[in-house]
N, C-alpha and C. Protein backbone atom coordinates (compact mmCIF):
# COMPACT_ATOMS: atom_id res chain seq x y z
N UNK A 1 -23.49 -7.89 -32.80
CA UNK A 1 -23.89 -7.60 -31.44
C UNK A 1 -23.17 -8.52 -30.44
N UNK A 2 -23.11 -9.78 -30.78
CA UNK A 2 -22.46 -10.75 -29.90
C UNK A 2 -20.96 -10.44 -29.77
N UNK A 3 -20.36 -10.00 -30.88
CA UNK A 3 -18.94 -9.65 -30.86
C UNK A 3 -18.69 -8.48 -29.90
N UNK A 4 -19.57 -7.50 -29.90
CA UNK A 4 -19.44 -6.36 -28.99
C UNK A 4 -19.52 -6.80 -27.53
N UNK A 5 -20.43 -7.67 -27.24
CA UNK A 5 -20.58 -8.17 -25.88
C UNK A 5 -19.31 -8.88 -25.43
N UNK A 6 -18.76 -9.71 -26.28
CA UNK A 6 -17.52 -10.42 -25.96
C UNK A 6 -16.38 -9.42 -25.77
N UNK A 7 -16.32 -8.42 -26.62
CA UNK A 7 -15.27 -7.40 -26.52
C UNK A 7 -15.39 -6.62 -25.21
N UNK A 8 -16.59 -6.25 -24.83
CA UNK A 8 -16.82 -5.52 -23.58
C UNK A 8 -16.44 -6.39 -22.38
N UNK A 9 -16.86 -7.63 -22.36
CA UNK A 9 -16.53 -8.53 -21.26
C UNK A 9 -15.02 -8.76 -21.16
N UNK A 10 -14.36 -8.91 -22.28
CA UNK A 10 -12.91 -9.09 -22.28
C UNK A 10 -12.21 -7.84 -21.75
N UNK A 11 -12.68 -6.68 -22.17
CA UNK A 11 -12.10 -5.42 -21.69
C UNK A 11 -12.26 -5.27 -20.19
N UNK A 12 -13.43 -5.62 -19.66
CA UNK A 12 -13.67 -5.53 -18.22
C UNK A 12 -12.75 -6.48 -17.46
N UNK A 13 -12.57 -7.66 -17.97
CA UNK A 13 -11.68 -8.63 -17.34
C UNK A 13 -10.23 -8.14 -17.36
N UNK A 14 -9.84 -7.56 -18.46
CA UNK A 14 -8.48 -7.04 -18.59
C UNK A 14 -8.25 -5.90 -17.60
N UNK A 15 -9.20 -4.99 -17.48
CA UNK A 15 -9.07 -3.88 -16.53
C UNK A 15 -9.05 -4.38 -15.09
N UNK A 16 -9.85 -5.34 -14.77
CA UNK A 16 -9.88 -5.88 -13.41
C UNK A 16 -8.55 -6.53 -13.04
N UNK A 17 -7.92 -7.17 -13.99
CA UNK A 17 -6.65 -7.84 -13.70
C UNK A 17 -5.49 -6.84 -13.57
N UNK A 18 -5.68 -5.60 -14.04
CA UNK A 18 -4.63 -4.58 -13.97
C UNK A 18 -4.63 -3.83 -12.64
N UNK A 19 -5.60 -4.05 -11.80
CA UNK A 19 -5.70 -3.33 -10.54
C UNK A 19 -4.57 -3.75 -9.61
N UNK A 20 -3.73 -2.79 -9.25
CA UNK A 20 -2.59 -3.09 -8.38
C UNK A 20 -2.92 -2.86 -6.91
N UNK A 21 -4.13 -2.38 -6.62
CA UNK A 21 -4.52 -2.14 -5.23
C UNK A 21 -5.15 -3.40 -4.67
N UNK A 22 -4.28 -4.30 -4.21
CA UNK A 22 -4.76 -5.54 -3.62
C UNK A 22 -3.86 -5.91 -2.44
N UNK A 23 -4.33 -6.82 -1.63
CA UNK A 23 -3.61 -7.17 -0.41
C UNK A 23 -2.26 -7.84 -0.72
N UNK A 24 -2.17 -8.55 -1.84
CA UNK A 24 -0.91 -9.19 -2.23
C UNK A 24 0.17 -8.15 -2.46
N UNK A 25 -0.16 -7.09 -3.19
CA UNK A 25 0.82 -6.02 -3.44
C UNK A 25 1.09 -5.23 -2.16
N UNK A 26 0.06 -4.99 -1.35
CA UNK A 26 0.27 -4.27 -0.10
C UNK A 26 1.27 -5.02 0.79
N UNK A 27 1.16 -6.33 0.83
CA UNK A 27 2.06 -7.14 1.66
C UNK A 27 3.52 -7.08 1.19
N UNK A 28 3.76 -6.63 -0.04
CA UNK A 28 5.13 -6.49 -0.54
C UNK A 28 5.79 -5.19 -0.08
N UNK A 29 4.99 -4.24 0.38
CA UNK A 29 5.51 -2.94 0.79
C UNK A 29 6.18 -3.03 2.15
N UNK A 30 7.33 -2.36 2.28
CA UNK A 30 8.10 -2.43 3.53
C UNK A 30 8.56 -1.05 3.95
N UNK A 31 8.64 -0.83 5.25
CA UNK A 31 9.19 0.40 5.79
C UNK A 31 10.64 0.53 5.31
N UNK A 32 11.02 1.73 4.91
CA UNK A 32 12.36 1.97 4.38
C UNK A 32 12.46 1.86 2.88
N UNK A 33 11.43 1.28 2.25
CA UNK A 33 11.41 1.12 0.80
C UNK A 33 11.37 2.50 0.14
N UNK A 34 12.12 2.68 -0.92
CA UNK A 34 12.16 3.94 -1.64
C UNK A 34 10.86 4.17 -2.42
N UNK A 35 10.52 5.44 -2.60
CA UNK A 35 9.30 5.84 -3.30
C UNK A 35 9.20 5.16 -4.67
N UNK A 36 10.29 5.14 -5.43
CA UNK A 36 10.26 4.54 -6.77
C UNK A 36 9.94 3.05 -6.73
N UNK A 37 10.41 2.35 -5.72
CA UNK A 37 10.11 0.92 -5.59
C UNK A 37 8.62 0.72 -5.26
N UNK A 38 8.08 1.59 -4.40
CA UNK A 38 6.66 1.51 -4.07
C UNK A 38 5.82 1.71 -5.33
N UNK A 39 6.17 2.71 -6.14
CA UNK A 39 5.40 2.96 -7.36
C UNK A 39 5.59 1.85 -8.39
N UNK A 40 6.72 1.16 -8.34
CA UNK A 40 6.89 -0.01 -9.21
C UNK A 40 5.89 -1.10 -8.85
N UNK A 41 5.58 -1.23 -7.57
CA UNK A 41 4.68 -2.28 -7.10
C UNK A 41 3.22 -1.91 -7.27
N UNK A 42 2.83 -0.67 -6.89
CA UNK A 42 1.40 -0.31 -6.90
C UNK A 42 1.05 0.81 -7.86
N UNK A 43 2.00 1.27 -8.66
CA UNK A 43 1.70 2.28 -9.67
C UNK A 43 1.81 3.70 -9.11
N UNK A 44 1.45 4.66 -9.94
CA UNK A 44 1.52 6.07 -9.55
C UNK A 44 0.38 6.42 -8.61
N UNK A 45 0.65 7.26 -7.61
CA UNK A 45 -0.41 7.63 -6.67
C UNK A 45 -1.46 8.53 -7.32
N UNK A 46 -2.66 8.50 -6.76
CA UNK A 46 -3.72 9.38 -7.23
C UNK A 46 -3.55 10.79 -6.68
N UNK A 47 -2.93 10.90 -5.51
CA UNK A 47 -2.66 12.23 -4.95
C UNK A 47 -1.53 12.14 -3.94
N UNK A 48 -0.80 13.25 -3.80
CA UNK A 48 0.27 13.37 -2.81
C UNK A 48 0.25 14.79 -2.26
N UNK A 49 0.67 14.94 -1.02
CA UNK A 49 0.90 16.27 -0.47
C UNK A 49 2.14 16.21 0.40
N UNK A 50 2.78 17.37 0.53
CA UNK A 50 4.01 17.44 1.33
C UNK A 50 3.83 18.46 2.44
N UNK A 51 4.20 18.05 3.64
CA UNK A 51 4.15 18.91 4.81
C UNK A 51 5.37 18.65 5.66
N UNK A 52 6.13 19.70 5.95
CA UNK A 52 7.30 19.60 6.82
C UNK A 52 8.24 18.47 6.42
N UNK A 53 8.49 18.32 5.12
CA UNK A 53 9.43 17.32 4.64
C UNK A 53 8.88 15.90 4.55
N UNK A 54 7.61 15.73 4.86
CA UNK A 54 6.97 14.42 4.77
C UNK A 54 6.00 14.41 3.59
N UNK A 55 6.19 13.46 2.68
CA UNK A 55 5.27 13.30 1.55
C UNK A 55 4.29 12.17 1.89
N UNK A 56 3.00 12.47 1.80
CA UNK A 56 1.96 11.47 2.03
C UNK A 56 1.19 11.28 0.73
N UNK A 57 1.09 10.03 0.28
CA UNK A 57 0.44 9.73 -0.99
C UNK A 57 -0.69 8.72 -0.77
N UNK A 58 -1.69 8.85 -1.63
CA UNK A 58 -2.83 7.93 -1.59
C UNK A 58 -3.05 7.35 -2.97
N UNK A 59 -3.22 6.04 -3.00
CA UNK A 59 -3.59 5.32 -4.21
C UNK A 59 -5.03 4.86 -4.00
N UNK A 60 -5.93 5.17 -4.92
CA UNK A 60 -7.32 4.78 -4.79
C UNK A 60 -8.15 5.88 -4.16
N UNK A 61 -9.28 5.49 -3.59
CA UNK A 61 -10.24 6.41 -2.98
C UNK A 61 -10.18 6.31 -1.46
N UNK A 62 -9.92 7.43 -0.76
CA UNK A 62 -9.81 7.39 0.70
C UNK A 62 -11.05 6.83 1.42
N UNK A 63 -12.23 6.95 0.81
CA UNK A 63 -13.44 6.41 1.44
C UNK A 63 -13.80 5.03 0.90
N UNK A 64 -12.93 4.49 0.04
CA UNK A 64 -13.17 3.17 -0.54
C UNK A 64 -11.93 2.31 -0.41
N UNK A 65 -11.51 1.72 -1.52
CA UNK A 65 -10.30 0.91 -1.56
C UNK A 65 -9.11 1.84 -1.74
N UNK A 66 -8.14 1.75 -0.84
CA UNK A 66 -6.99 2.64 -0.93
C UNK A 66 -5.76 2.05 -0.26
N UNK A 67 -4.61 2.61 -0.64
CA UNK A 67 -3.35 2.41 0.07
C UNK A 67 -2.80 3.81 0.33
N UNK A 68 -2.33 4.02 1.54
CA UNK A 68 -1.76 5.30 1.93
C UNK A 68 -0.35 5.06 2.42
N UNK A 69 0.58 5.93 2.00
CA UNK A 69 1.98 5.78 2.41
C UNK A 69 2.56 7.15 2.71
N UNK A 70 3.44 7.20 3.69
CA UNK A 70 4.17 8.42 4.03
C UNK A 70 5.66 8.16 3.83
N UNK A 71 6.36 9.19 3.33
CA UNK A 71 7.77 9.09 3.00
C UNK A 71 8.54 10.27 3.58
N UNK A 72 9.74 10.02 4.07
CA UNK A 72 10.69 11.07 4.44
C UNK A 72 11.96 10.76 3.66
N UNK A 73 12.48 11.77 2.96
CA UNK A 73 13.68 11.57 2.12
C UNK A 73 13.52 10.38 1.18
N UNK A 74 12.35 10.27 0.57
CA UNK A 74 12.05 9.22 -0.41
C UNK A 74 11.96 7.81 0.18
N UNK A 75 12.05 7.67 1.49
CA UNK A 75 11.96 6.35 2.14
C UNK A 75 10.63 6.23 2.88
N UNK A 76 9.96 5.11 2.72
CA UNK A 76 8.65 4.88 3.35
C UNK A 76 8.80 4.75 4.86
N UNK A 77 7.91 5.43 5.59
CA UNK A 77 7.91 5.33 7.05
C UNK A 77 6.60 4.76 7.58
N UNK A 78 5.56 4.70 6.71
CA UNK A 78 4.24 4.28 7.18
C UNK A 78 3.39 3.83 6.00
N UNK A 79 2.66 2.73 6.19
CA UNK A 79 1.69 2.25 5.20
C UNK A 79 0.38 1.93 5.91
N UNK A 80 -0.73 2.22 5.23
CA UNK A 80 -2.04 1.77 5.72
C UNK A 80 -2.91 1.46 4.50
N UNK A 81 -4.02 0.78 4.73
CA UNK A 81 -4.92 0.46 3.62
C UNK A 81 -6.34 0.37 4.11
N UNK A 82 -7.25 0.37 3.15
CA UNK A 82 -8.66 0.20 3.44
C UNK A 82 -9.33 -0.62 2.38
N UNK A 83 -10.11 -1.60 2.80
CA UNK A 83 -10.95 -2.42 1.94
C UNK A 83 -10.21 -3.15 0.81
N UNK A 84 -8.98 -3.56 1.06
CA UNK A 84 -8.23 -4.33 0.06
C UNK A 84 -8.68 -5.79 0.08
N UNK A 85 -8.64 -6.42 -1.07
CA UNK A 85 -8.97 -7.85 -1.18
C UNK A 85 -7.78 -8.61 -1.69
């Protein structure tokens, strides 16, 4: 039983440390940065949509912790975030 508790706590700690949605990573994002470089920093987006040649992607939950980015021709033109730590 004790081993399971330790295993669960270790797993939770490992998952928490893998979260790329934080203010440190957000501060690395720059206008003009290519889509692939953005995903190298914060991982794959949870959703994207394209309208009139502009791709807008969201990482995380729009009503919670999130990063939002817009791209034209694979280059970032806008970043925003919510509830990052």
